[in-house]
C-alpha atoms as a PDB file:
ATOM      1  CA  UNK A   1      44.745 164.992 135.628  1.00  0.00           C
ATOM      2  CA  UNK A   2      44.716 162.305 138.324  1.00  0.00           C
ATOM      3  CA  UNK A   3      43.800 159.673 135.736  1.00  0.00           C
ATOM      4  CA  UNK A   4      46.730 160.680 133.524  1.00  0.00           C
ATOM      5  CA  UNK A   5      49.130 160.480 136.459  1.00  0.00           C
ATOM      6  CA  UNK A   6      47.736 157.087 137.457  1.00  0.00           C
ATOM      7  CA  UNK A   7      48.120 155.744 133.902  1.00  0.00           C
ATOM      8  CA  UNK A   8      51.669 157.074 133.728  1.00  0.00           C
ATOM      9  CA  UNK A   9      52.476 155.490 137.094  1.00  0.00           C
ATOM     10  CA  UNK A  10      51.162 152.089 136.040  1.00  0.00           C
ATOM     11  CA  UNK A  11      53.052 152.252 132.724  1.00  0.00           C
ATOM     12  CA  UNK A  12      56.262 153.296 134.487  1.00  0.00           C
ATOM     13  CA  UNK A  13      55.923 150.477 137.018  1.00  0.00           C
ATOM     14  CA  UNK A  14      55.298 147.948 134.255  1.00  0.00           C
ATOM     15  CA  UNK A  15      58.378 149.179 132.394  1.00  0.00           C
ATOM     16  CA  UNK A  16      60.502 148.875 135.549  1.00  0.00           C
ATOM     17  CA  UNK A  17      59.317 145.314 136.179  1.00  0.00           C
ATOM     18  CA  UNK A  18      59.991 144.382 132.551  1.00  0.00           C
ATOM     19  CA  UNK A  19      63.465 145.890 132.787  1.00  0.00           C
ATOM     20  CA  UNK A  20      64.277 143.983 135.989  1.00  0.00           C
ATOM     21  CA  UNK A  21      63.183 140.753 134.322  1.00  0.00           C
ATOM     22  CA  UNK A  22      65.491 141.510 131.375  1.00  0.00           C
ATOM     23  CA  UNK A  23      68.389 142.164 133.754  1.00  0.00           C
ATOM     24  CA  UNK A  24      67.859 139.122 135.996  1.00  0.00           C
ATOM     25  CA  UNK A  25      66.818 136.486 133.481  1.00  0.00           C
ATOM     26  CA  UNK A  26      68.749 137.434 130.374  1.00  0.00           C
ATOM     27  CA  UNK A  27      71.628 139.446 131.852  1.00  0.00           C
ATOM     28  CA  UNK A  28      71.504 141.943 129.023  1.00  0.00           C
ATOM     29  CA  UNK A  29      74.003 144.800 129.206  1.00  0.00           C
ATOM     30  CA  UNK A  30      71.705 147.390 127.604  1.00  0.00           C
ATOM     31  CA  UNK A  31      69.075 146.694 130.254  1.00  0.00           C
ATOM     32  CA  UNK A  32      71.572 147.426 133.018  1.00  0.00           C
ATOM     33  CA  UNK A  33      72.486 150.751 131.412  1.00  0.00           C
ATOM     34  CA  UNK A  34      68.821 151.584 130.945  1.00  0.00           C
ATOM     35  CA  UNK A  35      68.251 150.950 134.654  1.00  0.00           C
ATOM     36  CA  UNK A  36      71.170 153.229 135.540  1.00  0.00           C
ATOM     37  CA  UNK A  37      69.700 155.999 133.381  1.00  0.00           C
ATOM     38  CA  UNK A  38      66.232 155.389 134.828  1.00  0.00           C
ATOM     39  CA  UNK A  39      67.505 155.821 138.392  1.00  0.00           C
ATOM     40  CA  UNK A  40      70.063 158.577 137.830  1.00  0.00           C
ATOM     41  CA  UNK A  41      67.854 160.954 135.822  1.00  0.00           C
ATOM     42  CA  UNK A  42      65.490 161.896 138.694  1.00  0.00           C
ATOM     43  CA  UNK A  43      68.417 162.113 141.120  1.00  0.00           C
ATOM     44  CA  UNK A  44      70.308 164.485 138.823  1.00  0.00           C
ATOM     45  CA  UNK A  45      67.129 166.512 138.303  1.00  0.00           C
ATOM     46  CA  UNK A  46      66.711 167.121 142.027  1.00  0.00           C
ATOM     47  CA  UNK A  47      70.430 167.775 142.547  1.00  0.00           C
ATOM     48  CA  UNK A  48      70.420 170.328 139.730  1.00  0.00           C
ATOM     49  CA  UNK A  49      68.209 172.619 141.797  1.00  0.00           C
ATOM     50  CA  UNK A  50      71.216 173.678 143.878  1.00  0.00           C
ATOM     51  CA  UNK A  51      73.100 175.284 140.983  1.00  0.00           C
ATOM     52  CA  UNK A  52      69.863 176.886 139.760  1.00  0.00           C
ATOM     53  CA  UNK A  53      69.290 178.484 143.151  1.00  0.00           C
ATOM     54  CA  UNK A  54      72.910 179.673 143.184  1.00  0.00           C
ATOM     55  CA  UNK A  55      72.495 181.090 139.677  1.00  0.00           C
ATOM     56  CA  UNK A  56      69.392 183.005 140.726  1.00  0.00           C
ATOM     57  CA  UNK A  57      71.203 184.178 143.892  1.00  0.00           C
ATOM     58  CA  UNK A  58      68.552 182.705 146.162  1.00  0.00           C
ATOM     59  CA  UNK A  59      66.058 185.511 145.543  1.00  0.00           C
ATOM     60  CA  UNK A  60      63.406 183.057 144.350  1.00  0.00           C
ATOM     61  CA  UNK A  61      62.999 184.705 140.968  1.00  0.00           C
ATOM     62  CA  UNK A  62      63.427 182.078 138.287  1.00  0.00           C
ATOM     63  CA  UNK A  63      63.325 182.906 134.593  1.00  0.00           C
ATOM     64  CA  UNK A  64      60.195 181.642 132.825  1.00  0.00           C
ATOM     65  CA  UNK A  65      61.723 178.528 131.283  1.00  0.00           C
ATOM     66  CA  UNK A  66      63.295 177.471 134.581  1.00  0.00           C
ATOM     67  CA  UNK A  67      59.961 177.903 136.314  1.00  0.00           C
ATOM     68  CA  UNK A  68      58.443 175.418 133.870  1.00  0.00           C
ATOM     69  CA  UNK A  69      61.285 172.899 134.258  1.00  0.00           C
ATOM     70  CA  UNK A  70      61.304 172.995 138.058  1.00  0.00           C
ATOM     71  CA  UNK A  71      57.531 173.245 138.576  1.00  0.00           C
ATOM     72  CA  UNK A  72      57.201 169.663 139.921  1.00  0.00           C
ATOM     73  CA  UNK A  73      59.532 170.496 142.801  1.00  0.00           C
ATOM     74  CA  UNK A  74      56.989 172.989 144.096  1.00  0.00           C
ATOM     75  CA  UNK A  75      55.074 169.932 145.311  1.00  0.00           C
ATOM     76  CA  UNK A  76      57.918 169.170 147.738  1.00  0.00           C
ATOM     77  CA  UNK A  77      56.192 170.736 150.803  1.00  0.00           C
ATOM     78  CA  UNK A  78      53.296 168.296 150.366  1.00  0.00           C
ATOM     79  CA  UNK A  79      55.605 165.303 150.847  1.00  0.00           C
ATOM     80  CA  UNK A  80      57.094 163.761 153.964  1.00  0.00           C
ATOM     81  CA  UNK A  81      58.750 166.209 156.341  1.00  0.00           C
ATOM     82  CA  UNK A  82      62.154 164.475 156.277  1.00  0.00           C
ATOM     83  CA  UNK A  83      62.291 164.858 152.491  1.00  0.00           C
ATOM     84  CA  UNK A  84      61.452 168.549 152.771  1.00  0.00           C
ATOM     85  CA  UNK A  85      64.090 169.000 155.500  1.00  0.00           C
ATOM     86  CA  UNK A  86      66.758 167.267 153.401  1.00  0.00           C
ATOM     87  CA  UNK A  87      65.848 169.363 150.365  1.00  0.00           C
ATOM     88  CA  UNK A  88      65.937 172.592 152.392  1.00  0.00           C
ATOM     89  CA  UNK A  89      69.344 171.615 153.792  1.00  0.00           C
ATOM     90  CA  UNK A  90      70.678 170.959 150.285  1.00  0.00           C
ATOM     91  CA  UNK A  91      69.336 174.258 148.945  1.00  0.00           C
ATOM     92  CA  UNK A  92      70.831 176.019 151.968  1.00  0.00           C
ATOM     93  CA  UNK A  93      74.267 174.840 150.882  1.00  0.00           C
ATOM     94  CA  UNK A  94      73.900 176.812 147.650  1.00  0.00           C
ATOM     95  CA  UNK A  95      72.288 179.964 149.062  1.00  0.00           C
ATOM     96  CA  UNK A  96      74.947 180.894 151.624  1.00  0.00           C
END
């Protein structure tokens, strides 16, 4: 599994570098929109957890398909503490 994640990380980094080169050197409009989508998708994914928690009423019971979609966020406690604190604060806004 670690090899797959490493390969994906290298491919993603290479794509980002290629996209930046397209934006800087050729000033292509589609590349700018692709960069916006590339940055906004993970942000919207994390921000969508608030409405999901509100929908589930904060009891922690997610339906099966939501458990699959939000499984990567279960790794949040293994990250830096300030990220976990910010995430807990955001979720707290939806639980109250």
